[in-house]
C-alpha atoms as a PDB file:
ATOM      1  CA  MET A   1     -19.368 -37.845 -65.572  1.00  0.00           C
ATOM      2  CA  SER A   2     -20.583 -41.123 -64.523  1.00  0.00           C
ATOM      3  CA  SER A   3     -18.614 -42.851 -67.272  1.00  0.00           C
ATOM      4  CA  LEU A   4     -15.320 -41.665 -65.811  1.00  0.00           C
ATOM      5  CA  LEU A   5     -15.899 -43.377 -62.524  1.00  0.00           C
ATOM      6  CA  PRO A   6     -15.054 -47.043 -62.042  1.00  0.00           C
ATOM      7  CA  ALA A   7     -17.932 -49.240 -61.204  1.00  0.00           C
ATOM      8  CA  MET A   8     -18.153 -49.893 -57.522  1.00  0.00           C
ATOM      9  CA  SER A   9     -20.289 -52.133 -55.492  1.00  0.00           C
ATOM     10  CA  PHE A  10     -20.823 -52.358 -51.805  1.00  0.00           C
ATOM     11  CA  SER A  11     -22.047 -55.367 -49.913  1.00  0.00           C
ATOM     12  CA  TRP A  12     -22.878 -55.447 -46.191  1.00  0.00           C
ATOM     13  CA  PRO A  13     -22.352 -58.702 -44.283  1.00  0.00           C
ATOM     14  CA  THR A  14     -25.551 -60.691 -43.795  1.00  0.00           C
ATOM     15  CA  GLN A  15     -26.918 -61.564 -40.420  1.00  0.00           C
ATOM     16  CA  ARG A  16     -25.582 -65.022 -40.779  1.00  0.00           C
ATOM     17  CA  GLN A  17     -22.083 -63.707 -41.645  1.00  0.00           C
ATOM     18  CA  ARG A  18     -22.139 -61.500 -38.615  1.00  0.00           C
ATOM     19  CA  ARG A  19     -23.058 -64.388 -36.389  1.00  0.00           C
ATOM     20  CA  ARG A  20     -20.295 -66.424 -38.025  1.00  0.00           C
ATOM     21  CA  ARG A  21     -17.445 -64.230 -36.874  1.00  0.00           C
ATOM     22  CA  PRO A  22     -18.098 -63.283 -33.222  1.00  0.00           C
ATOM     23  CA  ALA A  23     -14.607 -64.322 -31.970  1.00  0.00           C
ATOM     24  CA  THR A  24     -12.758 -62.285 -34.579  1.00  0.00           C
ATOM     25  CA  THR A  25     -14.933 -59.198 -33.903  1.00  0.00           C
ATOM     26  CA  ARG A  26     -14.372 -59.482 -30.189  1.00  0.00           C
ATOM     27  CA  ALA A  27     -10.630 -59.830 -30.570  1.00  0.00           C
ATOM     28  CA  LEU A  28     -10.502 -56.692 -32.736  1.00  0.00           C
ATOM     29  CA  VAL A  29     -12.534 -54.714 -30.235  1.00  0.00           C
ATOM     30  CA  VAL A  30     -10.331 -55.879 -27.336  1.00  0.00           C
ATOM     31  CA  ALA A  31      -7.183 -55.020 -29.318  1.00  0.00           C
ATOM     32  CA  ALA A  32      -8.381 -51.632 -30.167  1.00  0.00           C
ATOM     33  CA  ALA A  33      -9.421 -50.924 -26.668  1.00  0.00           C
ATOM     34  CA  ALA A  34      -6.078 -52.056 -25.319  1.00  0.00           C
ATOM     35  CA  THR A  35      -4.286 -49.795 -27.783  1.00  0.00           C
ATOM     36  CA  VAL A  36      -6.351 -46.762 -26.775  1.00  0.00           C
ATOM     37  CA  SER A  37      -5.831 -47.474 -23.055  1.00  0.00           C
ATOM     38  CA  ALA A  38      -2.094 -47.872 -23.591  1.00  0.00           C
ATOM     39  CA  SER A  39      -1.825 -44.647 -25.499  1.00  0.00           C
ATOM     40  CA  ALA A  40      -3.897 -42.834 -22.832  1.00  0.00           C
ATOM     41  CA  TRP A  41      -1.710 -44.325 -20.076  1.00  0.00           C
ATOM     42  CA  THR A  42       1.497 -43.356 -21.885  1.00  0.00           C
ATOM     43  CA  LEU A  43       0.171 -39.839 -22.466  1.00  0.00           C
ATOM     44  CA  ALA A  44      -0.803 -39.404 -18.833  1.00  0.00           C
ATOM     45  CA  PHE A  45       2.537 -40.757 -17.619  1.00  0.00           C
ATOM     46  CA  CYS A  46       4.533 -38.465 -19.891  1.00  0.00           C
ATOM     47  CA  SER A  47       2.431 -35.568 -18.974  1.00  0.00           C
ATOM     48  CA  ALA A  48       3.021 -36.200 -15.204  1.00  0.00           C
ATOM     49  CA  ALA A  49       6.711 -36.941 -15.631  1.00  0.00           C
ATOM     50  CA  ALA A  50       7.593 -34.122 -17.923  1.00  0.00           C
ATOM     51  CA  PRO A  51       9.021 -31.092 -16.122  1.00  0.00           C
ATOM     52  CA  ALA A  52       7.031 -27.890 -16.081  1.00  0.00           C
ATOM     53  CA  PRO A  53       7.855 -25.403 -18.850  1.00  0.00           C
ATOM     54  CA  VAL A  54      10.350 -22.803 -17.877  1.00  0.00           C
ATOM     55  CA  VAL A  55       7.727 -20.055 -18.334  1.00  0.00           C
ATOM     56  CA  HIS A  56       5.713 -21.380 -15.376  1.00  0.00           C
ATOM     57  CA  SER A  57       8.708 -21.388 -13.092  1.00  0.00           C
ATOM     58  CA  GLU A  58       9.574 -17.833 -14.084  1.00  0.00           C
ATOM     59  CA  ARG A  59       6.035 -16.675 -13.499  1.00  0.00           C
ATOM     60  CA  LEU A  60       6.074 -18.077 -10.082  1.00  0.00           C
ATOM     61  CA  LEU A  61       9.436 -16.612  -9.077  1.00  0.00           C
ATOM     62  CA  VAL A  62       8.500 -13.084 -10.527  1.00  0.00           C
ATOM     63  CA  ARG A  63       5.288 -13.244  -8.449  1.00  0.00           C
ATOM     64  CA  SER A  64       7.208 -13.996  -5.312  1.00  0.00           C
ATOM     65  CA  ARG A  65       9.499 -10.910  -5.670  1.00  0.00           C
ATOM     66  CA  PRO A  66       8.588  -7.852  -3.666  1.00  0.00           C
ATOM     67  CA  SER A  67       6.807  -5.202  -5.734  1.00  0.00           C
ATOM     68  CA  ALA A  68       7.703  -1.559  -5.897  1.00  0.00           C
ATOM     69  CA  LEU A  69       4.724  -0.811  -3.761  1.00  0.00           C
ATOM     70  CA  GLU A  70       5.923  -3.216  -1.040  1.00  0.00           C
ATOM     71  CA  GLN A  71       9.413  -1.716  -1.182  1.00  0.00           C
ATOM     72  CA  SER A  72       8.057   1.819  -0.730  1.00  0.00           C
ATOM     73  CA  ASP A  73       5.929   0.597   2.116  1.00  0.00           C
ATOM     74  CA  ARG A  74       9.025  -0.692   3.980  1.00  0.00           C
ATOM     75  CA  PHE A  75      10.681   2.666   3.339  1.00  0.00           C
ATOM     76  CA  ALA A  76       7.762   4.474   4.903  1.00  0.00           C
ATOM     77  CA  ALA A  77       7.701   2.025   7.844  1.00  0.00           C
ATOM     78  CA  ALA A  78      11.324   2.808   8.489  1.00  0.00           C
ATOM     79  CA  ALA A  79      10.651   6.489   8.442  1.00  0.00           C
ATOM     80  CA  ARG A  80       8.088   5.896  11.183  1.00  0.00           C
ATOM     81  CA  GLY A  81      10.599   3.855  13.155  1.00  0.00           C
ATOM     82  CA  ASN A  82       8.644   0.612  12.918  1.00  0.00           C
ATOM     83  CA  LEU A  83      11.484  -1.499  11.614  1.00  0.00           C
ATOM     84  CA  ASP A  84      13.940  -3.213  13.912  1.00  0.00           C
ATOM     85  CA  SER A  85      17.446  -1.888  13.165  1.00  0.00           C
ATOM     86  CA  SER A  86      19.102  -3.798  16.023  1.00  0.00           C
ATOM     87  CA  GLU A  87      19.830  -7.029  14.101  1.00  0.00           C
ATOM     88  CA  SER A  88      23.566  -6.894  14.332  1.00  0.00           C
ATOM     89  CA  SER A  89      23.927 -10.291  12.736  1.00  0.00           C
ATOM     90  CA  GLU A  90      23.162  -8.764   9.272  1.00  0.00           C
ATOM     91  CA  ARG A  91      26.353  -7.165   7.798  1.00  0.00           C
ATOM     92  CA  HIS A  92      24.272  -5.258   5.207  1.00  0.00           C
ATOM     93  CA  ARG A  93      21.552  -3.364   7.077  1.00  0.00           C
ATOM     94  CA  THR A  94      19.037  -1.307   5.284  1.00  0.00           C
ATOM     95  CA  GLU A  95      16.309   0.169   7.512  1.00  0.00           C
ATOM     96  CA  PHE A  96      13.680   0.556   4.851  1.00  0.00           C
ATOM     97  CA  LEU A  97      14.382  -2.253   2.309  1.00  0.00           C
ATOM     98  CA  SER A  98      14.644  -5.896   3.309  1.00  0.00           C
ATOM     99  CA  GLU A  99      13.727  -9.182   1.786  1.00  0.00           C
ATOM    100  CA  PRO A 100      10.209 -10.278   2.544  1.00  0.00           C
ATOM    101  CA  LYS A 101      10.077 -13.086   5.142  1.00  0.00           C
ATOM    102  CA  SER A 102       7.434 -14.868   3.087  1.00  0.00           C
ATOM    103  CA  ARG A 103       9.893 -15.719   0.283  1.00  0.00           C
ATOM    104  CA  ARG A 104      10.756 -19.402   0.148  1.00  0.00           C
ATOM    105  CA  PRO A 105      12.895 -19.827  -3.022  1.00  0.00           C
ATOM    106  CA  ALA A 106      13.889 -23.502  -2.320  1.00  0.00           C
ATOM    107  CA  LEU A 107      10.266 -24.567  -2.027  1.00  0.00           C
ATOM    108  CA  THR A 108       9.291 -22.420  -4.963  1.00  0.00           C
ATOM    109  CA  ALA A 109      11.923 -23.979  -7.185  1.00  0.00           C
ATOM    110  CA  ALA A 110      11.152 -27.506  -6.071  1.00  0.00           C
ATOM    111  CA  LEU A 111       7.421 -27.119  -6.706  1.00  0.00           C
ATOM    112  CA  ALA A 112       8.040 -25.559 -10.142  1.00  0.00           C
ATOM    113  CA  ALA A 113      10.444 -28.427 -11.079  1.00  0.00           C
ATOM    114  CA  PHE A 114       7.617 -30.943 -10.313  1.00  0.00           C
ATOM    115  CA  GLY A 115       5.077 -29.129 -12.314  1.00  0.00           C
ATOM    116  CA  PHE A 116       3.062 -27.545  -9.439  1.00  0.00           C
ATOM    117  CA  SER A 117       3.700 -24.062 -10.586  1.00  0.00           C
ATOM    118  CA  SER A 118       0.243 -23.776 -12.155  1.00  0.00           C
ATOM    119  CA  VAL A 119      -1.281 -24.733  -8.791  1.00  0.00           C
ATOM    120  CA  VAL A 120       0.949 -22.729  -6.467  1.00  0.00           C
ATOM    121  CA  GLY A 121       1.108 -19.670  -8.696  1.00  0.00           C
ATOM    122  CA  GLY A 122      -2.478 -19.721  -9.832  1.00  0.00           C
ATOM    123  CA  SER A 123      -5.341 -17.355  -9.289  1.00  0.00           C
ATOM    124  CA  GLN A 124      -5.638 -18.057  -5.515  1.00  0.00           C
ATOM    125  CA  ALA A 125      -2.051 -16.983  -4.881  1.00  0.00           C
ATOM    126  CA  ALA A 126      -2.353 -13.948  -7.059  1.00  0.00           C
ATOM    127  CA  HIS A 127      -5.736 -12.999  -5.380  1.00  0.00           C
ATOM    128  CA  ALA A 128      -4.134 -13.285  -1.848  1.00  0.00           C
ATOM    129  CA  THR A 129      -1.211 -11.071  -3.007  1.00  0.00           C
ATOM    130  CA  LEU A 130      -3.524  -8.496  -4.523  1.00  0.00           C
ATOM    131  CA  LYS A 131      -5.667  -8.488  -1.381  1.00  0.00           C
ATOM    132  CA  GLY A 132      -2.650  -7.894   0.723  1.00  0.00           C
ATOM    133  CA  GLN A 133      -1.536  -4.945  -1.406  1.00  0.00           C
ATOM    134  CA  ASP A 134      -4.944  -3.359  -1.252  1.00  0.00           C
ATOM    135  CA  HIS A 135      -5.012  -3.691   2.489  1.00  0.00           C
ATOM    136  CA  ASP A 136      -1.583  -2.071   2.722  1.00  0.00           C
ATOM    137  CA  VAL A 137      -2.822   0.848   0.645  1.00  0.00           C
ATOM    138  CA  VAL A 138      -5.701   1.455   2.987  1.00  0.00           C
ATOM    139  CA  VAL A 139      -3.537   1.073   6.109  1.00  0.00           C
ATOM    140  CA  ARG A 140      -1.026   3.625   4.677  1.00  0.00           C
ATOM    141  CA  ALA A 141      -3.879   5.984   3.976  1.00  0.00           C
ATOM    142  CA  ALA A 142      -5.279   5.608   7.524  1.00  0.00           C
ATOM    143  CA  ASP A 143      -1.797   6.192   9.012  1.00  0.00           C
ATOM    144  CA  SER A 144      -1.439   9.345   6.951  1.00  0.00           C
ATOM    145  CA  LEU A 145      -4.745  10.597   8.261  1.00  0.00           C
ATOM    146  CA  HIS A 146      -3.818   9.832  11.845  1.00  0.00           C
ATOM    147  CA  ALA A 147      -0.571  11.750  11.479  1.00  0.00           C
ATOM    148  CA  LEU A 148      -2.590  14.622  10.096  1.00  0.00           C
ATOM    149  CA  GLN A 149      -4.855  14.565  13.143  1.00  0.00           C
ATOM    150  CA  GLY A 150      -1.882  14.409  15.378  1.00  0.00           C
ATOM    151  CA  ARG A 151      -0.460  17.687  14.125  1.00  0.00           C
ATOM    152  CA  TRP A 152      -3.725  19.478  13.757  1.00  0.00           C
ATOM    153  CA  LYS A 153      -2.992  22.126  16.384  1.00  0.00           C
ATOM    154  CA  SER A 154       0.137  23.234  14.451  1.00  0.00           C
ATOM    155  CA  LEU A 155      -1.893  23.291  11.197  1.00  0.00           C
ATOM    156  CA  VAL A 156      -4.601  25.485  12.734  1.00  0.00           C
ATOM    157  CA  ALA A 157      -1.884  27.887  14.048  1.00  0.00           C
ATOM    158  CA  LYS A 158      -0.588  28.345  10.454  1.00  0.00           C
ATOM    159  CA  GLY A 159      -4.015  29.259   9.105  1.00  0.00           C
ATOM    160  CA  SER A 160      -4.269  29.092   5.281  1.00  0.00           C
ATOM    161  CA  ASP A 161      -0.743  27.707   5.126  1.00  0.00           C
ATOM    162  CA  GLY A 162      -1.923  24.818   7.241  1.00  0.00           C
ATOM    163  CA  ALA A 163      -4.772  24.179   4.878  1.00  0.00           C
ATOM    164  CA  GLU A 164      -2.144  24.101   2.066  1.00  0.00           C
ATOM    165  CA  GLU A 165      -0.290  21.334   3.899  1.00  0.00           C
ATOM    166  CA  VAL A 166      -3.468  19.347   4.071  1.00  0.00           C
ATOM    167  CA  ILE A 167      -3.899  19.728   0.327  1.00  0.00           C
ATOM    168  CA  GLN A 168      -0.331  18.517  -0.185  1.00  0.00           C
ATOM    169  CA  GLU A 169      -0.935  15.564   2.033  1.00  0.00           C
ATOM    170  CA  PHE A 170      -3.380  14.178  -0.580  1.00  0.00           C
ATOM    171  CA  SER A 171      -1.126  14.731  -3.657  1.00  0.00           C
ATOM    172  CA  GLY A 172      -0.037  11.984  -5.954  1.00  0.00           C
ATOM    173  CA  SER A 173       3.378  11.557  -4.453  1.00  0.00           C
ATOM    174  CA  THR A 174       4.945  12.006  -1.034  1.00  0.00           C
ATOM    175  CA  THR A 175       8.466  12.208   0.303  1.00  0.00           C
ATOM    176  CA  VAL A 176       9.739   9.918   3.074  1.00  0.00           C
ATOM    177  CA  GLN A 177      13.110   9.542   4.842  1.00  0.00           C
ATOM    178  CA  GLY A 178      14.955   6.368   5.650  1.00  0.00           C
ATOM    179  CA  LYS A 179      18.455   5.146   6.685  1.00  0.00           C
ATOM    180  CA  ILE A 180      21.006   3.234   4.770  1.00  0.00           C
ATOM    181  CA  VAL A 181      23.897   1.742   6.730  1.00  0.00           C
ATOM    182  CA  VAL A 182      27.099   0.797   4.900  1.00  0.00           C
ATOM    183  CA  PRO A 183      29.202  -1.520   7.030  1.00  0.00           C
ATOM    184  CA  LYS A 184      32.825  -0.491   7.608  1.00  0.00           C
ATOM    185  CA  GLY A 185      35.128  -1.778   4.852  1.00  0.00           C
ATOM    186  CA  PHE A 186      32.394  -1.903   2.264  1.00  0.00           C
ATOM    187  CA  SER A 187      31.907   0.256  -0.788  1.00  0.00           C
ATOM    188  CA  VAL A 188      29.179   2.845  -0.649  1.00  0.00           C
ATOM    189  CA  GLY A 189      28.113   1.542  -4.056  1.00  0.00           C
ATOM    190  CA  VAL A 190      26.499   4.525  -5.665  1.00  0.00           C
ATOM    191  CA  ASP A 191      27.255   7.335  -8.213  1.00  0.00           C
ATOM    192  CA  ILE A 192      26.431  10.787  -6.853  1.00  0.00           C
ATOM    193  CA  GLU A 193      25.579  14.060  -8.722  1.00  0.00           C
ATOM    194  CA  ASP A 194      25.175  16.934  -6.250  1.00  0.00           C
ATOM    195  CA  ARG A 195      23.457  14.953  -3.443  1.00  0.00           C
ATOM    196  CA  SER A 196      21.347  12.735  -5.691  1.00  0.00           C
ATOM    197  CA  VAL A 197      22.034   9.058  -6.471  1.00  0.00           C
ATOM    198  CA  THR A 198      22.374   8.586 -10.212  1.00  0.00           C
ATOM    199  CA  GLY A 199      23.671   5.042 -10.370  1.00  0.00           C
ATOM    200  CA  VAL A 200      23.673   1.971  -8.096  1.00  0.00           C
ATOM    201  CA  SER A 201      26.202  -0.870  -7.966  1.00  0.00           C
ATOM    202  CA  GLU A 202      25.317  -2.172  -4.459  1.00  0.00           C
ATOM    203  CA  ARG A 203      21.513  -2.643  -4.530  1.00  0.00           C
ATOM    204  CA  LYS A 204      21.632  -5.039  -1.591  1.00  0.00           C
ATOM    205  CA  LEU A 205      22.375  -2.017   0.629  1.00  0.00           C
ATOM    206  CA  GLY A 206      18.976  -0.579  -0.373  1.00  0.00           C
ATOM    207  CA  TRP A 207      19.997   2.352  -2.633  1.00  0.00           C
ATOM    208  CA  LEU A 208      17.641   3.407  -5.376  1.00  0.00           C
ATOM    209  CA  VAL A 209      18.322   5.867  -8.204  1.00  0.00           C
ATOM    210  CA  GLY A 210      16.760   9.172  -7.256  1.00  0.00           C
ATOM    211  CA  ASP A 211      17.604   8.985  -3.540  1.00  0.00           C
ATOM    212  CA  VAL A 212      18.730  12.275  -2.160  1.00  0.00           C
ATOM    213  CA  ILE A 213      21.356  12.129   0.688  1.00  0.00           C
ATOM    214  CA  GLN A 214      20.384  14.367   3.637  1.00  0.00           C
ATOM    215  CA  SER A 215      23.101  13.518   6.130  1.00  0.00           C
ATOM    216  CA  VAL A 216      26.126  11.244   6.749  1.00  0.00           C
ATOM    217  CA  ASN A 217      26.724   9.961  10.268  1.00  0.00           C
ATOM    218  CA  GLY A 218      24.465  12.677  11.691  1.00  0.00           C
ATOM    219  CA  ILE A 219      26.083  15.603   9.783  1.00  0.00           C
ATOM    220  CA  ASP A 220      23.707  17.473   7.447  1.00  0.00           C
ATOM    221  CA  ILE A 221      24.868  17.526   3.871  1.00  0.00           C
ATOM    222  CA  LYS A 222      24.486  20.703   1.721  1.00  0.00           C
ATOM    223  CA  GLU A 223      26.656  19.935  -1.317  1.00  0.00           C
ATOM    224  CA  GLU A 224      28.449  17.211  -3.125  1.00  0.00           C
ATOM    225  CA  SER A 225      31.934  18.257  -1.932  1.00  0.00           C
ATOM    226  CA  GLN A 226      30.851  18.093   1.723  1.00  0.00           C
ATOM    227  CA  LEU A 227      29.326  14.612   1.055  1.00  0.00           C
ATOM    228  CA  ILE A 228      32.548  13.262  -0.366  1.00  0.00           C
ATOM    229  CA  SER A 229      34.537  14.746   2.491  1.00  0.00           C
ATOM    230  CA  GLU A 230      32.347  13.189   5.116  1.00  0.00           C
ATOM    231  CA  VAL A 231      32.417   9.718   3.438  1.00  0.00           C
ATOM    232  CA  LYS A 232      36.279   9.857   3.265  1.00  0.00           C
ATOM    233  CA  ALA A 233      36.453  10.829   6.991  1.00  0.00           C
ATOM    234  CA  ALA A 234      34.243   7.901   7.910  1.00  0.00           C
ATOM    235  CA  LYS A 235      36.319   5.500   5.904  1.00  0.00           C
ATOM    236  CA  LYS A 236      39.504   6.695   7.577  1.00  0.00           C
ATOM    237  CA  LYS A 237      37.860   6.073  11.031  1.00  0.00           C
ATOM    238  CA  ASP A 238      36.949   2.573   9.820  1.00  0.00           C
ATOM    239  CA  THR A 239      33.377   2.916  10.990  1.00  0.00           C
ATOM    240  CA  ASP A 240      29.997   2.207   9.612  1.00  0.00           C
ATOM    241  CA  ILE A 241      28.578   4.943   7.437  1.00  0.00           C
ATOM    242  CA  VAL A 242      24.924   5.894   8.213  1.00  0.00           C
ATOM    243  CA  PHE A 243      23.221   7.765   5.409  1.00  0.00           C
ATOM    244  CA  VAL A 244      19.857   9.498   5.832  1.00  0.00           C
ATOM    245  CA  VAL A 245      18.172   9.711   2.479  1.00  0.00           C
ATOM    246  CA  GLU A 246      14.988  11.204   1.130  1.00  0.00           C
ATOM    247  CA  ARG A 247      12.930   9.345  -1.411  1.00  0.00           C
ATOM    248  CA  ARG A 248       9.833  10.266  -3.330  1.00  0.00           C
ATOM    249  CA  ARG A 249       7.084   7.635  -3.658  1.00  0.00           C
ATOM    250  CA  GLU A 250       3.510   7.346  -4.898  1.00  0.00           C
ATOM    251  CA  SER A 251       1.023   8.102  -2.175  1.00  0.00           C
ATOM    252  CA  PRO A 252      -1.725   5.625  -1.250  1.00  0.00           C
ATOM    253  CA  TRP A 253      -4.337   7.973  -2.580  1.00  0.00           C
ATOM    254  CA  VAL A 254      -3.322   7.020  -6.175  1.00  0.00           C
ATOM    255  CA  TYR A 255      -4.716   3.483  -5.527  1.00  0.00           C
ATOM    256  CA  LEU A 256      -7.471   4.215  -3.037  1.00  0.00           C
ATOM    257  CA  ASN A 257     -10.624   3.784  -5.032  1.00  0.00           C
ATOM    258  CA  ARG A 258      -9.443   0.476  -6.536  1.00  0.00           C
ATOM    259  CA  SER A 259      -8.347  -0.844  -3.079  1.00  0.00           C
ATOM    260  CA  LEU A 260     -11.604   0.085  -1.440  1.00  0.00           C
ATOM    261  CA  GLU A 261     -13.590  -1.740  -4.140  1.00  0.00           C
ATOM    262  CA  LYS A 262     -11.426  -4.803  -3.881  1.00  0.00           C
ATOM    263  CA  ILE A 263     -11.683  -5.013  -0.018  1.00  0.00           C
ATOM    264  CA  TYR A 264     -15.405  -4.266  -0.102  1.00  0.00           C
ATOM    265  CA  GLY A 265     -16.026  -7.023  -2.678  1.00  0.00           C
ATOM    266  CA  ASN A 266     -14.013  -9.625  -0.715  1.00  0.00           C
ATOM    267  CA  ALA A 267     -15.281  -8.754   2.736  1.00  0.00           C
ATOM    268  CA  GLU A 268     -17.568 -11.182   4.616  1.00  0.00           C
ATOM    269  CA  SER A 269     -21.202 -10.467   4.342  1.00  0.00           C
ATOM    270  CA  GLU A 270     -21.640  -9.652   8.018  1.00  0.00           C
ATOM    271  CA  THR A 271     -18.793  -7.092   7.912  1.00  0.00           C
ATOM    272  CA  GLU A 272     -20.098  -3.598   8.139  1.00  0.00           C
ATOM    273  CA  LEU A 273     -18.488  -1.316   5.723  1.00  0.00           C
ATOM    274  CA  PRO A 274     -19.528   1.915   4.023  1.00  0.00           C
ATOM    275  CA  GLU A 275     -19.994   1.799   0.300  1.00  0.00           C
ATOM    276  CA  PRO A 276     -16.780   2.571  -1.639  1.00  0.00           C
ATOM    277  CA  ASP A 277     -18.671   5.299  -3.533  1.00  0.00           C
ATOM    278  CA  GLN A 278     -19.574   6.936  -0.204  1.00  0.00           C
ATOM    279  CA  VAL A 279     -15.971   6.864   0.924  1.00  0.00           C
ATOM    280  CA  SER A 280     -14.794   8.358  -2.380  1.00  0.00           C
ATOM    281  CA  ASP A 281     -17.368  11.148  -1.913  1.00  0.00           C
ATOM    282  CA  MET A 282     -15.953  11.807   1.670  1.00  0.00           C
ATOM    283  CA  PHE A 283     -12.558  12.070   0.151  1.00  0.00           C
ATOM    284  CA  ARG A 284     -13.753  14.586  -2.518  1.00  0.00           C
ATOM    285  CA  ASP A 285     -15.512  16.611   0.167  1.00  0.00           C
ATOM    286  CA  LEU A 286     -12.448  16.644   2.270  1.00  0.00           C
ATOM    287  CA  LYS A 287     -10.130  17.965  -0.575  1.00  0.00           C
ATOM    288  CA  ALA A 288     -12.788  20.594  -1.539  1.00  0.00           C
ATOM    289  CA  ALA A 289     -12.971  21.694   2.177  1.00  0.00           C
ATOM    290  CA  ALA A 290      -9.163  22.002   2.274  1.00  0.00           C
ATOM    291  CA  ARG A 291      -9.178  24.296  -0.791  1.00  0.00           C
ATOM    292  CA  LEU A 292     -11.978  26.480   0.781  1.00  0.00           C
ATOM    293  CA  ALA A 293      -9.991  26.674   4.072  1.00  0.00           C
ATOM    294  CA  LYS A 294      -6.953  27.772   2.133  1.00  0.00           C
ATOM    295  CA  ASP A 295      -8.955  30.571   0.651  1.00  0.00           C
ATOM    296  CA  GLU A 296     -10.387  31.296   4.140  1.00  0.00           C
ATOM    297  CA  ILE A 297     -13.918  30.652   2.992  1.00  0.00           C
ATOM    298  CA  VAL A 298     -14.409  28.066   5.742  1.00  0.00           C
ATOM    299  CA  ASP A 299     -12.490  27.701   8.993  1.00  0.00           C
ATOM    300  CA  MET A 300     -10.195  24.931   9.974  1.00  0.00           C
ATOM    301  CA  ALA A 301     -12.799  23.356  12.350  1.00  0.00           C
ATOM    302  CA  TYR A 302     -15.010  22.668   9.316  1.00  0.00           C
ATOM    303  CA  LEU A 303     -12.027  20.986   7.626  1.00  0.00           C
ATOM    304  CA  LYS A 304     -11.275  19.027  10.752  1.00  0.00           C
ATOM    305  CA  ASP A 305     -14.794  17.529  10.751  1.00  0.00           C
ATOM    306  CA  LYS A 306     -14.278  16.333   7.151  1.00  0.00           C
ATOM    307  CA  VAL A 307     -10.901  14.786   8.136  1.00  0.00           C
ATOM    308  CA  ASP A 308     -12.379  12.944  11.119  1.00  0.00           C
ATOM    309  CA  THR A 309     -15.321  11.596   9.029  1.00  0.00           C
ATOM    310  CA  PHE A 310     -13.089  10.317   6.371  1.00  0.00           C
ATOM    311  CA  THR A 311     -10.630   8.768   8.906  1.00  0.00           C
ATOM    312  CA  LYS A 312     -13.396   6.832  10.564  1.00  0.00           C
ATOM    313  CA  ALA A 313     -14.473   5.348   7.245  1.00  0.00           C
ATOM    314  CA  MET A 314     -10.883   4.383   6.433  1.00  0.00           C
ATOM    315  CA  GLU A 315     -10.434   2.755   9.786  1.00  0.00           C
ATOM    316  CA  ALA A 316     -13.377   0.477   9.035  1.00  0.00           C
ATOM    317  CA  PHE A 317     -11.634  -0.778   5.882  1.00  0.00           C
ATOM    318  CA  THR A 318      -8.268  -1.467   7.721  1.00  0.00           C
ATOM    319  CA  VAL A 319      -9.811  -4.231   9.801  1.00  0.00           C
ATOM    320  CA  ALA A 320     -11.970  -5.735   6.994  1.00  0.00           C
END
């Protein structure tokens, strides 16, 4: 094997030879360092000047859009009458769906174009958005409990049927009502089957597939033919058309455990909050008491005590 390899010899420069070439060595080192520095500067400049990839910009814009949870919250707020419907300057008025005031598309686009999307749309922004959604879930849950307490006398009068209503209050979905106003001269923008919306061409008005029309300009609607007739009559009068629609949405109880844990984990150390597990136990006790009250094993006073205890715990999380 060794006979196939050419003879090779290596010689290292002697100490004298090394001393003899100091200028050359220094020149090579300086040149190499300059080359590396220039390459690094060029890379840094190109990286700073290069526009952010499209994917970052898209991520940021998607994050700024209102979620389905936010939309359903606005629907519920409108049903409680908490939204201002007196803004006559808006031609398209929807009393339960509106663009969030926090959206700033021009600023978002500018930041994304200059490569700031990874900073603006990073974990801090996502965390803030998530925290806000969790707080909304808890607030909606507390509002539902307050409404339940407000009609407790009528529930007691119904007996076991009242307990059944309490059980339904904590189901996975709820039904809320809201208004959609179609300005005069504009298309209604939906396809209808019976009284249900099956297609939407004017989403800016606030329609969603699945909405069920309850009334038109204050007149209760029972069937599709009546709906068509009332819409035609309103168009002939050249007036706005006010629809009251019913919409099903997920209840806050679906996300409650997750939201309690998030809020508890992010709360200040001095904030006094019950343990999320304790609150979950209160919720289970409440639902169990409602079933017992329905079967008339316990009275409604026992159930009311469970409702009040759970409500107090939820109120603590709404201000955390």
